[in-house]
N, C-alpha and C. Protein backbone atom coordinates (compact mmCIF):
# COMPACT_ATOMS: atom_id res chain seq x y z
N MET A 1 0.86 -1.20 -0.01
CA MET A 1 -0.04 -0.05 0.02
C MET A 1 0.95 1.15 0.05
N ASN A 2 0.53 2.28 -0.76
CA ASN A 2 1.26 3.45 -0.77
C ASN A 2 0.80 4.44 0.32
N LYS A 3 1.53 5.49 0.45
CA LYS A 3 1.33 6.61 1.49
C LYS A 3 -0.14 7.14 1.39
N LEU A 4 -0.61 7.19 0.24
CA LEU A 4 -1.96 7.78 0.09
C LEU A 4 -3.07 6.86 0.42
N GLY A 5 -2.66 5.46 0.57
CA GLY A 5 -3.66 4.55 1.08
C GLY A 5 -4.56 4.22 -0.06
N ASN A 6 -5.77 3.72 0.29
CA ASN A 6 -6.71 3.36 -0.81
C ASN A 6 -7.87 4.31 -0.78
N ARG A 7 -7.65 5.49 -0.37
CA ARG A 7 -8.74 6.39 -0.23
C ARG A 7 -8.87 7.20 -1.51
N ILE A 8 -9.68 6.71 -2.52
CA ILE A 8 -9.71 7.24 -3.83
C ILE A 8 -10.36 8.65 -3.77
N GLY A 9 -11.23 9.01 -2.87
CA GLY A 9 -11.77 10.28 -2.72
C GLY A 9 -10.63 11.29 -2.43
N LYS A 10 -9.80 10.90 -1.52
CA LYS A 10 -8.65 11.86 -1.09
C LYS A 10 -7.73 11.95 -2.32
N VAL A 11 -7.39 10.89 -3.03
CA VAL A 11 -6.64 10.90 -4.21
C VAL A 11 -7.20 11.90 -5.17
N ALA A 12 -8.49 11.70 -5.42
CA ALA A 12 -9.13 12.59 -6.45
C ALA A 12 -9.04 14.12 -6.13
N MET A 13 -9.26 14.34 -4.85
CA MET A 13 -9.12 15.73 -4.45
C MET A 13 -7.64 16.31 -4.58
N MET A 14 -6.73 15.54 -4.16
CA MET A 14 -5.39 15.98 -4.23
C MET A 14 -4.83 16.17 -5.59
N VAL A 15 -5.33 15.29 -6.59
CA VAL A 15 -4.90 15.32 -7.93
C VAL A 15 -5.59 16.55 -8.57
N ALA A 16 -6.85 16.81 -8.39
CA ALA A 16 -7.63 18.04 -8.84
C ALA A 16 -6.89 19.22 -8.40
N MET A 17 -6.40 19.37 -7.27
CA MET A 17 -5.80 20.55 -6.77
C MET A 17 -4.26 20.64 -6.97
N SER A 18 -3.73 19.64 -7.61
CA SER A 18 -2.30 19.55 -7.78
C SER A 18 -1.76 20.35 -8.99
N SER A 19 -0.44 20.71 -8.81
CA SER A 19 0.28 21.29 -9.92
C SER A 19 0.60 20.12 -10.90
N ASP A 20 1.12 20.30 -12.11
CA ASP A 20 1.43 19.33 -12.97
C ASP A 20 2.63 18.41 -12.44
N GLU A 21 3.58 18.97 -11.78
CA GLU A 21 4.65 18.24 -11.12
C GLU A 21 4.07 17.31 -9.96
N ASP A 22 3.26 17.86 -9.18
CA ASP A 22 2.66 17.01 -8.03
C ASP A 22 1.70 15.94 -8.64
N GLU A 23 1.07 16.23 -9.68
CA GLU A 23 0.16 15.22 -10.35
C GLU A 23 1.02 14.09 -10.87
N ALA A 24 2.18 14.32 -11.50
CA ALA A 24 3.04 13.30 -11.92
C ALA A 24 3.58 12.48 -10.74
N GLY A 25 3.80 13.15 -9.60
CA GLY A 25 4.29 12.41 -8.50
C GLY A 25 3.14 11.44 -7.92
N PHE A 26 1.86 11.91 -7.94
CA PHE A 26 0.81 10.99 -7.51
C PHE A 26 0.73 9.86 -8.47
N ARG A 27 0.80 10.17 -9.75
CA ARG A 27 0.71 9.09 -10.76
C ARG A 27 1.71 7.94 -10.46
N GLU A 28 2.93 8.50 -10.25
CA GLU A 28 4.10 7.62 -10.14
C GLU A 28 3.91 6.69 -8.85
N LYS A 29 3.47 7.30 -7.74
CA LYS A 29 3.29 6.62 -6.46
C LYS A 29 2.19 5.44 -6.66
N LEU A 30 1.18 5.80 -7.49
CA LEU A 30 -0.01 4.94 -7.64
C LEU A 30 0.18 3.94 -8.84
N ALA A 31 1.21 3.97 -9.56
CA ALA A 31 1.36 3.27 -10.85
C ALA A 31 1.18 1.80 -10.65
N THR A 32 1.66 1.21 -9.60
CA THR A 32 1.67 -0.24 -9.37
C THR A 32 0.39 -0.83 -8.72
N GLY A 33 -0.49 0.08 -8.28
CA GLY A 33 -1.75 -0.33 -7.71
C GLY A 33 -2.92 -0.43 -8.53
N PRO A 34 -3.98 -0.68 -7.96
CA PRO A 34 -5.30 -0.78 -8.69
C PRO A 34 -5.98 0.49 -9.04
N ILE A 35 -5.46 1.62 -8.59
CA ILE A 35 -6.03 2.91 -8.76
C ILE A 35 -5.63 3.43 -10.07
N LYS A 36 -6.76 3.80 -10.83
CA LYS A 36 -6.64 4.45 -12.12
C LYS A 36 -7.01 5.97 -12.17
N ILE A 37 -6.28 6.79 -12.80
CA ILE A 37 -6.59 8.31 -12.81
C ILE A 37 -6.60 8.83 -14.13
N ALA A 38 -7.68 9.67 -14.38
CA ALA A 38 -7.70 10.48 -15.61
C ALA A 38 -7.93 11.91 -15.16
N VAL A 39 -7.36 12.87 -15.92
CA VAL A 39 -7.45 14.33 -15.60
C VAL A 39 -7.86 15.02 -16.89
N THR A 40 -8.75 15.98 -16.72
CA THR A 40 -9.20 16.77 -17.81
C THR A 40 -9.41 18.24 -17.29
N TYR A 41 -9.54 19.10 -18.19
CA TYR A 41 -9.79 20.60 -17.83
C TYR A 41 -11.01 21.04 -18.60
N VAL A 42 -11.88 21.76 -17.89
CA VAL A 42 -13.06 22.30 -18.42
C VAL A 42 -13.14 23.77 -18.15
N SER A 43 -13.41 24.63 -19.10
CA SER A 43 -13.42 25.95 -18.72
C SER A 43 -14.32 26.71 -19.88
N GLY A 44 -14.85 27.86 -19.34
CA GLY A 44 -15.69 28.68 -20.27
C GLY A 44 -16.90 29.19 -19.50
N PRO A 45 -17.84 29.95 -20.20
CA PRO A 45 -18.99 30.39 -19.58
C PRO A 45 -19.78 29.31 -18.91
N LEU A 46 -20.49 29.55 -17.87
CA LEU A 46 -21.24 28.57 -17.13
C LEU A 46 -22.10 27.71 -18.04
N GLY A 47 -22.80 28.33 -18.95
CA GLY A 47 -23.79 27.57 -19.88
C GLY A 47 -22.96 26.58 -20.68
N PHE A 48 -21.78 26.92 -21.22
CA PHE A 48 -21.07 26.05 -21.98
C PHE A 48 -20.47 24.89 -21.15
N VAL A 49 -20.04 25.20 -19.96
CA VAL A 49 -19.48 24.15 -19.08
C VAL A 49 -20.58 23.21 -18.65
N ARG A 50 -21.74 23.79 -18.34
CA ARG A 50 -22.98 22.89 -17.97
C ARG A 50 -23.30 22.00 -18.95
N LYS A 51 -23.32 22.45 -20.24
CA LYS A 51 -23.61 21.55 -21.45
C LYS A 51 -22.58 20.57 -21.71
N ASN A 52 -21.30 20.77 -21.48
CA ASN A 52 -20.25 19.83 -21.82
C ASN A 52 -19.57 19.07 -20.77
N PHE A 53 -19.87 19.48 -19.46
CA PHE A 53 -19.02 18.88 -18.35
C PHE A 53 -19.04 17.37 -18.36
N VAL A 54 -20.26 16.76 -18.31
CA VAL A 54 -20.41 15.32 -18.18
C VAL A 54 -19.89 14.56 -19.32
N LYS A 55 -20.11 15.03 -20.63
CA LYS A 55 -19.54 14.36 -21.72
C LYS A 55 -18.03 14.47 -21.82
N THR A 56 -17.50 15.57 -21.29
CA THR A 56 -16.08 15.66 -21.24
C THR A 56 -15.48 14.65 -20.24
N LEU A 57 -16.17 14.39 -19.13
CA LEU A 57 -15.65 13.47 -18.04
C LEU A 57 -15.78 12.23 -18.56
N VAL A 58 -16.81 11.77 -19.20
CA VAL A 58 -16.96 10.47 -19.73
C VAL A 58 -15.90 10.11 -20.85
N GLY A 59 -15.70 11.12 -21.81
CA GLY A 59 -14.70 10.90 -22.81
C GLY A 59 -13.30 10.79 -22.21
N SER A 60 -12.95 11.55 -21.12
CA SER A 60 -11.69 11.54 -20.42
C SER A 60 -11.48 10.22 -19.71
N ALA A 61 -12.48 9.75 -19.07
CA ALA A 61 -12.42 8.48 -18.30
C ALA A 61 -12.26 7.28 -19.23
N LEU A 62 -12.96 7.34 -20.38
CA LEU A 62 -12.80 6.26 -21.41
C LEU A 62 -11.54 6.23 -22.00
N HIS A 63 -11.00 7.47 -22.44
CA HIS A 63 -9.73 7.62 -23.13
C HIS A 63 -8.54 7.27 -22.17
N GLY A 64 -8.65 7.58 -20.85
CA GLY A 64 -7.66 7.33 -19.94
C GLY A 64 -7.76 5.93 -19.37
N GLU A 65 -8.67 5.19 -19.80
CA GLU A 65 -8.76 3.73 -19.47
C GLU A 65 -9.14 3.66 -18.00
N VAL A 66 -9.89 4.67 -17.38
CA VAL A 66 -10.23 4.60 -15.93
C VAL A 66 -11.50 3.68 -15.90
N ILE A 67 -12.33 3.85 -16.93
CA ILE A 67 -13.52 2.92 -17.05
C ILE A 67 -13.54 2.28 -18.41
N SER A 68 -14.41 1.23 -18.39
CA SER A 68 -14.68 0.63 -19.68
C SER A 68 -16.06 1.03 -20.22
N LYS A 69 -16.31 0.69 -21.36
CA LYS A 69 -17.53 1.19 -22.03
C LYS A 69 -18.74 0.29 -21.68
N THR A 70 -19.03 0.34 -20.42
CA THR A 70 -20.20 -0.44 -19.96
C THR A 70 -21.15 0.49 -19.22
N GLY A 71 -22.44 0.17 -19.29
CA GLY A 71 -23.39 1.08 -18.67
C GLY A 71 -23.22 1.42 -17.29
N GLY A 72 -22.75 0.45 -16.42
CA GLY A 72 -22.50 0.77 -14.97
C GLY A 72 -21.34 1.68 -14.74
N GLN A 73 -20.35 1.48 -15.51
CA GLN A 73 -19.14 2.36 -15.32
C GLN A 73 -19.34 3.82 -15.86
N ILE A 74 -20.09 3.89 -16.88
CA ILE A 74 -20.47 5.22 -17.49
C ILE A 74 -21.41 5.97 -16.54
N HIS A 75 -22.38 5.20 -16.02
CA HIS A 75 -23.32 5.63 -15.03
C HIS A 75 -22.69 6.33 -13.84
N ALA A 76 -21.61 5.55 -13.39
CA ALA A 76 -20.89 6.09 -12.14
C ALA A 76 -20.23 7.37 -12.43
N VAL A 77 -19.68 7.54 -13.53
CA VAL A 77 -18.93 8.81 -14.02
C VAL A 77 -20.03 9.92 -14.12
N VAL A 78 -21.18 9.59 -14.75
CA VAL A 78 -22.11 10.61 -14.98
C VAL A 78 -22.66 11.13 -13.61
N HIS A 79 -22.99 10.24 -12.63
CA HIS A 79 -23.61 10.68 -11.39
C HIS A 79 -22.48 11.27 -10.46
N ALA A 80 -21.29 10.76 -10.35
CA ALA A 80 -20.25 11.42 -9.58
C ALA A 80 -19.85 12.74 -10.22
N GLY A 81 -19.87 12.88 -11.55
CA GLY A 81 -19.56 14.09 -12.21
C GLY A 81 -20.56 15.23 -11.95
N LEU A 82 -21.88 14.75 -11.91
CA LEU A 82 -22.99 15.68 -11.69
C LEU A 82 -22.90 16.24 -10.22
N GLU A 83 -22.49 15.29 -9.23
CA GLU A 83 -22.32 15.75 -7.87
C GLU A 83 -21.25 16.73 -7.81
N ALA A 84 -20.12 16.48 -8.42
CA ALA A 84 -18.96 17.47 -8.44
C ALA A 84 -19.33 18.70 -9.05
N PHE A 85 -20.04 18.66 -10.09
CA PHE A 85 -20.44 19.90 -10.74
C PHE A 85 -21.35 20.75 -9.92
N HIS A 86 -22.21 20.07 -9.11
CA HIS A 86 -23.11 20.79 -8.17
C HIS A 86 -22.26 21.66 -7.26
N GLY A 87 -21.10 21.12 -6.80
CA GLY A 87 -20.20 21.75 -5.88
C GLY A 87 -19.61 23.05 -6.43
N VAL A 88 -19.37 23.15 -7.74
CA VAL A 88 -18.63 24.17 -8.41
C VAL A 88 -19.53 25.15 -9.03
N THR A 89 -20.89 24.90 -9.04
CA THR A 89 -21.85 25.76 -9.69
C THR A 89 -22.22 26.87 -8.74
N PRO A 90 -22.15 28.10 -9.08
CA PRO A 90 -22.71 29.28 -8.26
C PRO A 90 -24.20 29.11 -7.94
N LEU A 91 -24.56 29.43 -6.83
CA LEU A 91 -26.04 29.45 -6.47
C LEU A 91 -26.86 30.68 -7.08
N ILE A 92 -26.09 31.69 -7.30
CA ILE A 92 -26.77 32.89 -7.84
C ILE A 92 -26.94 32.78 -9.38
N SER A 93 -28.00 33.35 -9.78
CA SER A 93 -28.17 33.33 -11.35
C SER A 93 -27.20 34.36 -12.03
N GLY A 94 -26.78 34.08 -13.23
CA GLY A 94 -26.00 34.88 -13.94
C GLY A 94 -24.93 33.96 -14.67
N GLU A 95 -24.24 34.53 -15.61
CA GLU A 95 -23.37 33.79 -16.51
C GLU A 95 -21.91 34.06 -16.06
N CYS A 96 -21.50 33.26 -15.03
CA CYS A 96 -20.03 33.42 -14.55
C CYS A 96 -19.16 32.59 -15.55
N SER A 97 -17.87 32.72 -15.36
CA SER A 97 -16.88 31.88 -16.11
C SER A 97 -16.23 31.01 -15.13
N LEU A 98 -16.02 29.70 -15.58
CA LEU A 98 -15.38 28.67 -14.78
C LEU A 98 -14.04 28.28 -15.45
N LYS A 99 -13.18 27.82 -14.71
CA LYS A 99 -11.89 27.29 -15.15
C LYS A 99 -11.55 26.10 -14.16
N LEU A 100 -11.70 24.87 -14.58
CA LEU A 100 -11.62 23.72 -13.64
C LEU A 100 -10.61 22.63 -14.17
N LYS A 101 -9.96 22.14 -13.07
CA LYS A 101 -9.24 20.89 -13.31
C LYS A 101 -9.98 19.75 -12.71
N VAL A 102 -10.23 18.65 -13.41
CA VAL A 102 -11.04 17.56 -12.86
C VAL A 102 -10.32 16.30 -12.86
N ALA A 103 -10.32 15.59 -11.75
CA ALA A 103 -9.71 14.25 -11.64
C ALA A 103 -10.80 13.16 -11.52
N ILE A 104 -10.63 12.11 -12.21
CA ILE A 104 -11.46 10.96 -12.22
C ILE A 104 -10.71 9.75 -11.75
N VAL A 105 -11.01 9.20 -10.69
CA VAL A 105 -10.18 8.07 -10.05
C VAL A 105 -11.03 7.00 -9.76
N GLN A 106 -10.60 5.72 -9.99
CA GLN A 106 -11.32 4.57 -9.84
C GLN A 106 -10.39 3.50 -9.30
N ASP A 107 -10.89 2.66 -8.37
CA ASP A 107 -10.13 1.53 -7.79
C ASP A 107 -10.79 0.18 -7.99
N GLY A 108 -11.67 0.08 -8.93
CA GLY A 108 -12.36 -1.20 -9.12
C GLY A 108 -13.65 -1.34 -8.52
N SER A 109 -13.94 -0.65 -7.34
CA SER A 109 -15.11 -0.69 -6.62
C SER A 109 -15.87 0.56 -6.61
N TRP A 110 -14.99 1.62 -6.48
CA TRP A 110 -15.62 3.06 -6.34
C TRP A 110 -14.98 3.94 -7.39
N LEU A 111 -15.74 5.03 -7.81
CA LEU A 111 -15.17 5.97 -8.69
C LEU A 111 -15.41 7.37 -8.10
N ALA A 112 -14.41 8.12 -8.04
CA ALA A 112 -14.50 9.50 -7.48
C ALA A 112 -14.27 10.54 -8.55
N VAL A 113 -14.91 11.58 -8.45
CA VAL A 113 -14.66 12.81 -9.40
C VAL A 113 -14.52 14.04 -8.45
N ALA A 114 -13.41 14.71 -8.66
CA ALA A 114 -13.08 16.00 -7.92
C ALA A 114 -12.81 17.07 -8.98
N ALA A 115 -13.49 18.17 -8.82
CA ALA A 115 -13.28 19.37 -9.73
C ALA A 115 -12.84 20.63 -8.85
N TYR A 116 -11.65 21.12 -9.28
CA TYR A 116 -11.12 22.27 -8.50
C TYR A 116 -10.82 23.45 -9.55
N GLY A 117 -11.10 24.60 -9.10
CA GLY A 117 -10.68 25.67 -10.00
C GLY A 117 -11.23 27.13 -9.53
N GLU A 118 -11.53 27.94 -10.52
CA GLU A 118 -11.96 29.32 -10.12
C GLU A 118 -13.28 29.53 -10.93
N SER A 119 -14.06 30.51 -10.25
CA SER A 119 -15.11 31.11 -11.02
C SER A 119 -15.19 32.61 -10.77
N ALA A 120 -15.83 33.25 -11.62
CA ALA A 120 -15.87 34.66 -11.52
C ALA A 120 -17.03 35.25 -12.48
N PHE A 121 -17.69 36.28 -11.93
CA PHE A 121 -18.65 37.09 -12.78
C PHE A 121 -17.93 38.26 -13.39
N HIS A 122 -16.76 38.54 -12.79
CA HIS A 122 -15.89 39.68 -13.19
C HIS A 122 -14.61 39.34 -12.80
N PRO A 123 -13.46 39.72 -13.52
CA PRO A 123 -12.05 39.30 -13.05
C PRO A 123 -11.71 39.66 -11.68
N GLU A 124 -12.29 40.71 -11.05
CA GLU A 124 -11.97 41.19 -9.71
C GLU A 124 -12.75 40.24 -8.74
N THR A 125 -13.65 39.38 -9.16
CA THR A 125 -14.37 38.58 -8.23
C THR A 125 -13.95 37.06 -8.22
N ASN A 126 -12.76 36.71 -8.93
CA ASN A 126 -12.29 35.46 -8.90
C ASN A 126 -12.05 34.76 -7.70
N HIS A 127 -12.67 33.51 -7.50
CA HIS A 127 -12.39 32.78 -6.30
C HIS A 127 -12.40 31.34 -6.49
N GLU A 128 -11.93 30.65 -5.57
CA GLU A 128 -11.79 29.15 -5.73
C GLU A 128 -13.13 28.46 -5.56
N ARG A 129 -13.17 27.30 -6.18
CA ARG A 129 -14.41 26.46 -6.02
C ARG A 129 -13.98 25.02 -5.97
N PHE A 130 -14.72 24.17 -5.30
CA PHE A 130 -14.30 22.75 -5.32
C PHE A 130 -15.62 21.97 -5.30
N GLY A 131 -15.71 20.75 -6.08
CA GLY A 131 -16.84 19.88 -6.12
C GLY A 131 -16.33 18.55 -6.01
N PHE A 132 -17.11 17.66 -5.47
CA PHE A 132 -16.71 16.34 -5.32
C PHE A 132 -17.88 15.37 -5.38
N GLY A 133 -17.80 14.14 -6.10
CA GLY A 133 -18.72 13.22 -6.17
C GLY A 133 -18.25 11.80 -6.18
N MET A 134 -18.91 10.89 -5.66
CA MET A 134 -18.40 9.51 -5.48
C MET A 134 -19.55 8.50 -5.71
N MET A 135 -19.29 7.43 -6.56
CA MET A 135 -20.33 6.40 -6.91
C MET A 135 -19.59 5.04 -6.85
N HIS A 136 -20.47 4.08 -6.42
CA HIS A 136 -19.99 2.63 -6.57
C HIS A 136 -20.01 2.19 -8.08
N VAL A 137 -19.04 1.50 -8.45
CA VAL A 137 -18.96 1.08 -9.84
C VAL A 137 -19.79 -0.19 -9.97
């Protein structure tokens, strides 16, 4: 077992918030275990991100071989992704911009999605956001 343990939620959060160098370190530490990781970036106006978030995650998870093309695994990405998106979505109405790094992590039993980044209605109002979701595969 590695230092990160088998807590894929924790791994997803750490990868989503990591720099490129730190992400490479996480991947190296986890390379020999059952944990699989995919990372993608989603950015743009809220309406665009809302429309593309889930399909971007599914594509990234499939391309990164974190999941296979089965209904149950795609279902897990969709629902965990929607939970994560809920965490990064502003509660007030209006068209803000989002810039997110998203980690999708799977260990064979569970799948976690963590999204971390910034949102703003105006450049002076930039602030951090974090969303997380987890589903059984």
